[in-house]
Amino acid sequence: MLARLGRDLGAGLQEMHRRFGPVVDVGHGPARAIYLFGADANEHVLSSAAAAFEWGPAMRSLVVVDGPTALVVSDGEDHRRRRRLVQPAFSRRRVDAHLGLIVREVDRVLDTWRPGSRLDAHASLRSGVRRIVLRALFGEHLGDRADEVGERLEPALRYIQRNPLTRLDVSAGVNAYSRSRRGVRATDEIVRAEIARRRGQQEGGAGSSDRADEGDPPDVLSALLVEADADGDVLDEDELLDQVRSLVAAGYDTTSGGAAWLVLELGRNPAVLAEMRDEIADVLGDRPPTVGDLPRLSLAFGAVHETLRLWPPGFGVPRWSIASSTLHGHEIPAERLVLYSPYVTGRLPELWPEPERFDPKRWAPGAPDPHPYSFVPFGGGYRRCIGFALATLELQVIAVRLAQRVEWRLRRSDARPTGLASATPKGGVPIEVLALR
């Protein structure tokens, strides 16, 4: 069973659920884990028994990139404090203010596509997502260094996709872990310099233009530098570096994966794409979307949500059990690795009629609401992914601009997911650009 998970994680999780049910204890030694499947399992981990689980011990493999104080590896009061300080940077108003930036960077990528060209849509869109994330985090001053920052972090991003059981987190000069650490330190140098620049402006009386509630768009670093809670508490510099680095990593690694799956599913479903194009033409014509337009583009919204249902960023999401709990009559003991699966839940026929069918109309106004905790690509409860709104906005814009501007065909319609921290199509998404619209 573990070998099947290694070959094809999604198919292996589905087979495990079919054979053994909603609670499965499998493996030996450090590979032993309890897998939980279904909406009830998601609710158990994310809400009703959330106090029985911690993140830090389960997410230890991410520390090489994210650092020890990032939200994703924090628990208890440390997490609550850091979340309270970071959350204002991701208010709906601030996220929506990035729409123009997102449109510009998506168009910048599509401007490089030419009729007859063959390319990897995943790699191409990944570069655009990276620039969006860096500009949203740092503003225009560091936005032009997005590719440089991405290149420095890339060894660490590749490293955390490895199976933790095969990793050697020891610096040995030329090994993958050492390259990862050097890339992280180089990234921190860039961020520290930008922090010093902005603090120097503030001390010199020229910092008002960097405040998060002024300027266009309001970048995240500005918000993190000026936000304080009611007691005047702020993030220290090490915490700030960890939050920024983890946001960069999660922001472009997972969102670019979602963009890849979106291109794949739209390419597999030309009738859906044609209907989506008609709706977009009726609402927008050829112009880019505004924030006010997006609620009227129900098929683009549905295409993004169907992509996330079928291909969530994490197929099996880990937690560490710190207290025993019970699910479906099975005890989940303390001191165990536990994983719940948004991937399996998103493909259960009792929750999603014809679950393998890509159907954006499931999400149309007036359609039945999904069963609670059946759709959790960004987690849920008080620890829902802090960047979910920005990621969703990016994917909606990508869907709209692809439909408006490009006709393409898939050079390969099959895809096997790869990666542990976030799932992407193995070998990318090779396409041929047929025409520009």
Protein backbone atom coordinates (compact mmCIF):
# COMPACT_ATOMS: atom_id res chain seq x y z
CA MET A 1 0.00 0.00 0.00
CA LEU A 2 2.79 2.45 0.88
CA ALA A 3 4.51 1.59 -2.40
CA ARG A 4 1.33 2.53 -4.28
CA LEU A 5 1.24 5.86 -2.46
CA GLY A 6 4.80 6.49 -3.59
CA ARG A 7 3.97 5.77 -7.25
CA ASP A 8 0.69 7.72 -7.45
CA LEU A 9 -0.39 9.46 -4.25
CA GLY A 10 -3.94 10.29 -5.37
CA ALA A 11 -4.76 6.82 -6.71
CA GLY A 12 -3.13 5.24 -3.68
CA LEU A 13 -5.25 7.27 -1.26
CA GLN A 14 -8.43 6.37 -3.16
CA GLU A 15 -7.52 2.67 -3.11
CA MET A 16 -6.78 2.82 0.61
CA HIS A 17 -10.19 4.35 1.28
CA ARG A 18 -12.02 1.80 -0.92
CA ARG A 19 -10.31 -1.16 0.73
CA PHE A 20 -10.20 -0.13 4.37
CA GLY A 21 -12.78 2.61 4.99
CA PRO A 22 -12.65 6.08 6.54
CA VAL A 23 -9.98 5.41 9.22
CA VAL A 24 -6.82 3.55 8.20
CA ASP A 25 -3.73 2.88 10.34
CA VAL A 26 -0.91 1.89 8.02
CA GLY A 27 2.88 1.63 7.93
CA HIS A 28 5.66 0.95 10.41
CA GLY A 29 8.11 3.05 12.38
CA PRO A 30 8.54 6.61 11.09
CA ALA A 31 6.35 5.77 8.07
CA ARG A 32 3.36 4.86 10.23
CA ALA A 33 0.36 7.16 9.97
CA ILE A 34 -3.41 7.25 10.38
CA TYR A 35 -5.31 8.30 7.26
CA LEU A 36 -8.77 9.83 7.62
CA PHE A 37 -11.19 10.06 4.70
CA GLY A 38 -14.44 11.91 4.03
CA ALA A 39 -16.23 15.07 5.08
CA ASP A 40 -16.65 13.85 8.66
CA ALA A 41 -12.91 13.27 8.89
CA ASN A 42 -12.19 16.76 7.59
CA GLU A 43 -14.58 18.28 10.13
CA HIS A 44 -13.02 16.19 12.91
CA VAL A 45 -9.51 17.47 12.22
CA LEU A 46 -10.39 21.03 11.24
CA SER A 47 -13.18 21.83 13.68
CA SER A 48 -14.85 19.47 16.15
CA ALA A 49 -11.63 17.89 17.48
CA ALA A 50 -9.15 20.52 16.27
CA ALA A 51 -7.74 20.95 19.79
CA ALA A 52 -6.49 17.35 19.62
CA PHE A 53 -4.11 18.15 16.76
CA GLU A 54 -1.03 20.32 16.26
CA TRP A 55 0.61 21.53 13.07
CA GLY A 56 4.26 22.07 14.00
CA PRO A 57 5.44 18.46 14.45
CA ALA A 58 3.57 17.37 11.30
CA MET A 59 4.88 20.25 9.19
CA ARG A 60 8.50 20.02 10.36
CA SER A 61 9.67 19.24 6.82
CA LEU A 62 8.68 22.78 5.72
CA VAL A 63 10.95 24.54 8.21
CA VAL A 64 13.88 24.48 5.77
CA VAL A 65 11.95 27.04 3.67
CA ASP A 66 9.38 28.58 5.99
CA GLY A 67 11.44 28.90 9.16
CA PRO A 68 10.48 27.92 12.71
CA THR A 69 8.06 30.82 13.34
CA ALA A 70 5.97 30.67 10.14
CA LEU A 71 2.22 30.37 10.65
CA VAL A 72 2.09 26.91 9.09
CA VAL A 73 4.46 25.46 11.73
CA SER A 74 3.15 27.46 14.70
CA ASP A 75 0.71 26.26 17.34
CA GLY A 76 -1.13 27.52 20.39
CA GLU A 77 -0.64 31.08 21.57
CA ASP A 78 2.32 31.60 19.23
CA HIS A 79 0.09 30.89 16.27
CA ARG A 80 -2.78 33.01 17.56
CA ARG A 81 -0.49 35.98 18.11
CA ARG A 82 1.22 35.72 14.72
CA ARG A 83 -2.06 35.13 12.90
CA ARG A 84 -3.56 38.20 14.58
CA LEU A 85 -0.66 40.32 13.31
CA VAL A 86 -0.57 38.89 9.77
CA GLN A 87 -4.31 38.61 9.08
CA PRO A 88 -4.95 42.34 8.35
CA ALA A 89 -2.54 42.16 5.42
CA PHE A 90 -4.96 39.75 3.72
CA SER A 91 -8.24 41.58 4.17
CA ARG A 92 -10.62 41.36 1.22
CA ARG A 93 -10.08 45.04 0.40
CA ARG A 94 -6.32 44.63 0.26
CA VAL A 95 -6.52 41.44 -1.80
CA ASP A 96 -8.96 42.98 -4.29
CA ALA A 97 -6.60 45.94 -4.74
CA HIS A 98 -4.16 43.54 -6.45
CA LEU A 99 -6.53 42.73 -9.33
CA GLY A 100 -4.86 45.15 -11.75
CA LEU A 101 -1.45 43.71 -10.89
CA ILE A 102 -2.71 40.17 -11.48
CA VAL A 103 -4.20 41.06 -14.87
CA ARG A 104 -0.98 42.77 -15.98
CA GLU A 105 1.24 39.84 -15.03
CA VAL A 106 -1.06 37.19 -16.53
CA ASP A 107 -1.19 39.20 -19.76
CA ARG A 108 2.58 39.56 -19.65
CA VAL A 109 2.86 35.77 -19.76
CA LEU A 110 0.25 35.32 -22.48
CA ASP A 111 1.95 38.00 -24.59
CA THR A 112 4.88 35.58 -24.99
CA TRP A 113 2.68 32.81 -26.41
CA ARG A 114 2.64 32.60 -30.21
CA PRO A 115 0.45 30.59 -32.62
CA GLY A 116 2.18 27.33 -33.42
CA SER A 117 4.45 27.46 -30.40
CA ARG A 118 4.77 24.50 -28.06
CA LEU A 119 5.36 25.19 -24.40
CA ASP A 120 4.82 23.99 -20.86
CA ALA A 121 1.86 25.97 -19.57
CA HIS A 122 2.79 25.16 -15.98
CA ALA A 123 6.31 26.58 -16.24
CA SER A 124 5.13 29.62 -18.19
CA LEU A 125 2.31 30.54 -15.82
CA ARG A 126 4.51 29.78 -12.81
CA SER A 127 6.79 32.65 -13.76
CA GLY A 128 3.82 35.01 -13.88
CA VAL A 129 2.42 33.78 -10.57
CA ARG A 130 5.84 34.28 -9.01
CA ARG A 131 5.91 37.91 -10.14
CA ILE A 132 2.37 38.45 -8.84
CA VAL A 133 3.25 37.05 -5.43
CA LEU A 134 6.49 39.02 -5.13
CA ARG A 135 4.86 42.29 -6.18
CA ALA A 136 1.90 41.69 -3.87
CA LEU A 137 4.34 41.03 -1.02
CA PHE A 138 6.95 43.69 -1.73
CA GLY A 139 5.40 46.21 -4.10
CA GLU A 140 7.08 47.57 -7.18
CA HIS A 141 10.41 48.34 -5.48
CA LEU A 142 11.31 44.65 -5.27
CA GLY A 143 8.84 43.39 -7.85
CA ASP A 144 11.44 43.46 -10.62
CA ARG A 145 13.58 41.05 -8.59
CA ALA A 146 10.83 38.41 -8.50
CA ASP A 147 12.71 36.03 -10.77
CA GLU A 148 15.90 36.46 -8.75
CA VAL A 149 14.10 35.70 -5.48
CA GLY A 150 12.36 32.74 -7.08
CA GLU A 151 15.64 31.31 -8.36
CA ARG A 152 17.22 31.63 -4.93
CA LEU A 153 14.33 29.84 -3.25
CA GLU A 154 13.87 27.17 -5.93
CA PRO A 155 16.35 24.63 -4.44
CA ALA A 156 14.50 24.76 -1.12
CA LEU A 157 11.09 24.49 -2.81
CA ARG A 158 12.27 21.38 -4.67
CA TYR A 159 13.73 19.96 -1.47
CA ILE A 160 10.49 20.11 0.52
CA GLN A 161 8.74 18.12 -2.21
CA ARG A 162 10.94 15.15 -1.32
CA ASN A 163 9.73 12.31 0.83
CA PRO A 164 10.81 13.25 4.40
CA LEU A 165 11.96 9.67 4.95
CA THR A 166 14.56 10.03 2.20
CA ARG A 167 15.84 13.46 3.19
CA LEU A 168 19.04 14.23 5.06
CA ASP A 169 18.59 17.58 6.81
CA VAL A 170 22.30 18.01 7.47
CA SER A 171 24.58 20.56 5.85
CA ALA A 172 27.33 18.86 3.90
CA GLY A 173 28.55 21.63 1.65
CA VAL A 174 27.22 20.46 -1.72
CA ASN A 175 24.16 18.39 -0.84
CA ALA A 176 20.56 19.43 -1.57
CA TYR A 177 19.92 20.55 2.01
CA SER A 178 22.95 22.84 1.95
CA ARG A 179 21.84 24.36 -1.36
CA SER A 180 18.43 24.93 0.16
CA ARG A 181 19.83 26.71 3.18
CA ARG A 182 22.06 28.93 1.04
CA GLY A 183 19.07 29.93 -1.08
CA VAL A 184 17.05 30.79 2.00
CA ARG A 185 19.86 32.92 3.44
CA ALA A 186 20.26 34.74 0.11
CA THR A 187 16.51 35.43 0.03
CA ASP A 188 16.64 36.76 3.59
CA GLU A 189 19.40 39.19 2.61
CA ILE A 190 17.12 40.73 0.00
CA VAL A 191 14.19 40.98 2.41
CA ARG A 192 16.33 42.39 5.24
CA ALA A 193 17.63 45.11 2.91
CA GLU A 194 14.07 46.04 1.94
CA ILE A 195 12.97 46.11 5.59
CA ALA A 196 15.89 48.40 6.43
CA ARG A 197 15.05 50.68 3.49
CA ARG A 198 11.43 51.06 4.58
CA ARG A 199 12.26 51.56 8.24
CA GLY A 200 14.76 54.20 7.21
CA GLN A 201 12.05 56.00 5.28
CA GLN A 202 9.72 55.85 8.27
CA GLU A 203 12.36 57.24 10.63
CA GLY A 204 13.15 59.96 8.12
CA GLY A 205 9.52 60.98 7.86
CA ALA A 206 9.08 59.62 4.32
CA GLY A 207 7.43 56.36 5.21
CA SER A 208 3.79 57.30 4.90
CA SER A 209 3.61 56.19 1.28
CA ASP A 210 4.57 52.69 2.38
CA ARG A 211 1.61 52.29 4.72
CA ALA A 212 -0.62 49.38 3.83
CA ASP A 213 -3.77 51.49 3.71
CA GLU A 214 -2.33 53.95 1.18
CA GLY A 215 -0.92 53.63 -2.32
CA ASP A 216 -1.92 51.19 -5.02
CA PRO A 217 -1.65 48.32 -4.49
CA PRO A 218 -1.04 47.92 -0.70
CA ASP A 219 1.72 45.33 -0.45
CA VAL A 220 1.89 42.79 2.36
CA LEU A 221 5.31 43.78 3.70
CA SER A 222 4.01 47.31 4.30
CA ALA A 223 1.15 45.92 6.34
CA LEU A 224 3.41 43.63 8.37
CA LEU A 225 5.78 46.51 9.15
CA VAL A 226 3.09 48.88 10.41
CA GLU A 227 0.41 46.61 11.87
CA ALA A 228 0.29 46.17 15.64
CA ASP A 229 -2.35 44.65 17.87
CA ALA A 230 -4.19 46.46 20.66
CA ASP A 231 -1.22 45.99 22.98
CA GLY A 232 1.26 47.41 20.47
CA ASP A 233 2.75 43.98 19.75
CA VAL A 234 4.54 43.58 16.40
CA LEU A 235 6.45 40.82 14.63
CA ASP A 236 10.16 40.79 15.34
CA GLU A 237 12.52 40.63 12.36
CA ASP A 238 13.05 36.85 12.45
CA GLU A 239 9.27 36.31 12.59
CA LEU A 240 8.80 38.77 9.77
CA LEU A 241 11.35 36.98 7.57
CA ASP A 242 9.69 33.62 8.23
CA GLN A 243 6.20 34.93 7.40
CA VAL A 244 7.38 36.58 4.18
CA ARG A 245 9.39 33.55 3.06
CA SER A 246 6.57 31.13 3.76
CA LEU A 247 4.10 33.38 1.92
CA VAL A 248 6.39 33.51 -1.10
CA ALA A 249 6.81 29.74 -1.10
CA ALA A 250 3.16 28.87 -0.59
CA GLY A 251 1.91 31.73 -2.72
CA TYR A 252 3.57 30.80 -5.96
CA ASP A 253 4.19 27.08 -5.52
CA THR A 254 0.58 26.11 -4.79
CA THR A 255 -1.10 28.72 -6.99
CA SER A 256 1.01 27.88 -10.02
CA GLY A 257 0.09 24.24 -9.46
CA GLY A 258 -3.57 25.21 -9.47
CA ALA A 259 -3.03 27.15 -12.71
CA ALA A 260 -1.47 24.05 -14.30
CA TRP A 261 -4.43 21.85 -13.38
CA LEU A 262 -6.81 24.56 -14.62
CA VAL A 263 -5.19 24.60 -18.08
CA LEU A 264 -5.30 20.81 -18.13
CA GLU A 265 -8.99 20.55 -17.23
CA LEU A 266 -10.11 23.32 -19.61
CA GLY A 267 -8.10 21.64 -22.37
CA ARG A 268 -9.73 18.30 -21.60
CA ASN A 269 -13.21 19.85 -21.65
CA PRO A 270 -13.55 22.01 -24.78
CA ALA A 271 -17.34 22.26 -24.47
CA VAL A 272 -16.98 23.73 -20.99
CA LEU A 273 -14.35 26.16 -22.25
CA ALA A 274 -16.56 27.25 -25.16
CA GLU A 275 -19.50 27.94 -22.84
CA MET A 276 -17.24 29.83 -20.46
CA ARG A 277 -15.96 31.93 -23.35
CA ASP A 278 -19.52 32.84 -24.34
CA GLU A 279 -20.34 33.98 -20.80
CA ILE A 280 -17.14 36.03 -20.57
CA ALA A 281 -17.82 37.66 -23.95
CA ASP A 282 -21.35 38.59 -22.87
CA VAL A 283 -20.11 40.21 -19.64
CA LEU A 284 -16.72 41.63 -20.63
CA GLY A 285 -16.25 41.56 -24.36
CA ASP A 286 -12.48 41.77 -24.77
CA ARG A 287 -11.70 43.93 -21.75
CA PRO A 288 -10.08 42.61 -18.56
CA PRO A 289 -12.32 41.89 -15.55
CA THR A 290 -12.87 44.24 -12.64
CA VAL A 291 -13.64 43.14 -9.11
CA GLY A 292 -17.30 43.97 -9.76
CA ASP A 293 -17.36 41.73 -12.84
CA LEU A 294 -16.17 38.56 -11.16
CA PRO A 295 -19.47 37.60 -9.43
CA ARG A 296 -21.13 37.65 -12.87
CA LEU A 297 -18.64 35.16 -14.33
CA SER A 298 -20.11 32.07 -12.72
CA LEU A 299 -18.49 29.57 -15.08
CA ALA A 300 -14.99 30.95 -14.50
CA PHE A 301 -15.67 30.83 -10.75
CA GLY A 302 -16.94 27.27 -11.14
CA ALA A 303 -13.97 26.21 -13.26
CA VAL A 304 -11.57 27.36 -10.55
CA HIS A 305 -13.53 25.60 -7.81
CA GLU A 306 -13.83 22.39 -9.84
CA THR A 307 -10.08 22.46 -10.38
CA LEU A 308 -9.50 22.84 -6.64
CA ARG A 309 -12.02 20.09 -5.89
CA LEU A 310 -10.32 17.60 -8.19
CA TRP A 311 -6.74 18.80 -7.64
CA PRO A 312 -6.36 20.41 -4.20
CA PRO A 313 -2.89 21.69 -3.29
CA GLY A 314 -2.44 18.97 -0.68
CA PHE A 315 -3.74 15.45 -1.39
CA GLY A 316 -3.00 14.26 2.13
CA VAL A 317 -2.63 17.01 4.74
CA PRO A 318 -0.71 16.10 7.92
CA ARG A 319 -1.40 16.88 11.55
CA TRP A 320 0.14 15.58 14.78
CA SER A 321 -2.24 14.09 17.32
CA ILE A 322 -1.57 15.42 20.82
CA ALA A 323 -4.64 13.92 22.49
CA SER A 324 -6.75 10.87 21.74
CA SER A 325 -10.02 11.34 19.85
CA THR A 326 -12.64 9.08 18.26
CA LEU A 327 -13.96 9.04 14.70
CA HIS A 328 -16.50 6.51 13.39
CA GLY A 329 -15.88 4.39 16.47
CA HIS A 330 -12.13 4.25 15.90
CA GLU A 331 -9.72 5.67 18.44
CA ILE A 332 -7.08 8.04 17.12
CA PRO A 333 -4.38 7.86 19.79
CA ALA A 334 -2.11 10.68 20.88
CA GLU A 335 1.42 11.03 19.55
CA ARG A 336 0.61 9.89 16.04
CA LEU A 337 0.89 11.38 12.57
CA VAL A 338 -2.58 11.85 11.09
CA LEU A 339 -3.51 12.84 7.54
CA TYR A 340 -6.86 13.94 6.13
CA SER A 341 -7.45 13.98 2.38
CA PRO A 342 -9.15 16.83 0.48
CA TYR A 343 -8.35 14.85 -2.68
CA VAL A 344 -10.35 11.77 -1.72
CA THR A 345 -13.20 13.83 -0.27
CA GLY A 346 -13.47 15.79 -3.51
CA ARG A 347 -14.04 12.57 -5.46
CA LEU A 348 -16.59 10.78 -3.28
CA PRO A 349 -19.80 9.97 -5.21
CA GLU A 350 -21.97 10.33 -2.10
CA LEU A 351 -20.87 13.96 -1.90
CA TRP A 352 -20.36 14.84 -5.57
CA PRO A 353 -22.59 13.26 -8.27
CA GLU A 354 -20.36 12.01 -11.10
CA PRO A 355 -17.34 13.10 -9.11
CA GLU A 356 -14.78 12.60 -11.89
CA ARG A 357 -16.68 14.94 -14.24
CA PHE A 358 -15.37 18.49 -14.52
CA ASP A 359 -18.59 20.49 -14.12
CA PRO A 360 -18.31 24.21 -13.26
CA LYS A 361 -22.11 24.43 -13.03
CA ARG A 362 -21.93 22.64 -9.67
CA TRP A 363 -20.97 26.08 -8.35
CA ALA A 364 -23.53 28.18 -10.22
CA PRO A 365 -25.90 30.50 -8.34
CA GLY A 366 -28.88 28.45 -7.19
CA ALA A 367 -27.01 25.12 -7.27
CA PRO A 368 -27.11 23.07 -4.04
CA ASP A 369 -24.45 24.05 -1.53
CA PRO A 370 -21.68 21.48 -1.07
CA HIS A 371 -21.94 19.25 1.96
CA PRO A 372 -20.13 20.85 4.93
CA TYR A 373 -16.42 20.05 4.93
CA SER A 374 -16.61 18.34 1.54
CA PHE A 375 -14.57 21.13 -0.10
CA VAL A 376 -11.48 22.03 1.90
CA PRO A 377 -8.62 22.76 -0.53
CA PHE A 378 -7.39 25.54 1.78
CA GLY A 379 -8.23 23.82 5.06
CA GLY A 380 -10.92 25.21 7.30
CA GLY A 381 -11.82 26.62 10.66
CA TYR A 382 -9.74 29.30 12.32
CA ARG A 383 -6.58 28.03 10.59
CA ARG A 384 -7.85 28.28 7.02
CA CYS A 385 -4.98 29.21 4.66
CA ILE A 386 -4.41 32.92 5.12
CA GLY A 387 -3.74 33.48 1.41
CA PHE A 388 -6.77 31.63 0.03
CA ALA A 389 -8.50 34.78 -1.28
CA LEU A 390 -5.43 35.95 -3.20
CA ALA A 391 -4.87 32.48 -4.68
CA THR A 392 -8.51 32.20 -5.76
CA LEU A 393 -8.44 35.67 -7.32
CA GLU A 394 -5.30 34.81 -9.29
CA LEU A 395 -6.85 31.60 -10.62
CA GLN A 396 -10.06 33.38 -11.64
CA VAL A 397 -8.10 35.95 -13.61
CA ILE A 398 -6.02 33.23 -15.27
CA ALA A 399 -9.20 31.39 -16.28
CA VAL A 400 -10.77 34.54 -17.73
CA ARG A 401 -7.73 35.78 -19.64
CA LEU A 402 -6.92 32.33 -21.04
CA ALA A 403 -10.49 32.03 -22.33
CA GLN A 404 -10.42 35.53 -23.80
CA ARG A 405 -6.99 35.46 -25.40
CA VAL A 406 -5.83 31.94 -26.32
CA GLU A 407 -6.89 28.82 -28.16
CA TRP A 408 -4.73 25.82 -27.33
CA ARG A 409 -4.67 22.07 -27.40
CA LEU A 410 -3.09 19.68 -24.95
CA ARG A 411 -0.18 17.72 -26.31
CA ARG A 412 -0.79 15.18 -23.56
CA SER A 413 -4.14 14.89 -21.79
CA ASP A 414 -3.11 12.38 -19.13
CA ALA A 415 -1.41 13.60 -16.00
CA ARG A 416 0.02 12.01 -12.89
CA PRO A 417 0.40 14.25 -9.86
CA THR A 418 3.77 14.63 -8.21
CA GLY A 419 4.97 16.41 -5.07
CA LEU A 420 4.17 16.23 -1.39
CA ALA A 421 3.99 19.83 -0.16
CA SER A 422 1.85 20.71 -3.19
CA ALA A 423 0.71 18.51 -6.07
CA THR A 424 1.51 19.44 -9.66
CA PRO A 425 1.25 17.53 -12.96
CA LYS A 426 4.36 15.42 -13.47
CA GLY A 427 6.15 16.65 -16.56
CA GLY A 428 4.14 19.88 -16.64
CA VAL A 429 1.27 20.65 -19.01
CA PRO A 430 2.62 20.57 -22.58
CA ILE A 431 0.38 22.55 -24.96
CA GLU A 432 0.38 23.84 -28.51
CA VAL A 433 -0.89 27.37 -29.00
CA LEU A 434 -3.34 27.27 -31.91
CA ALA A 435 -4.40 30.93 -32.13
CA LEU A 436 -4.58 34.18 -30.24
CA ARG A 437 -8.01 35.72 -29.89
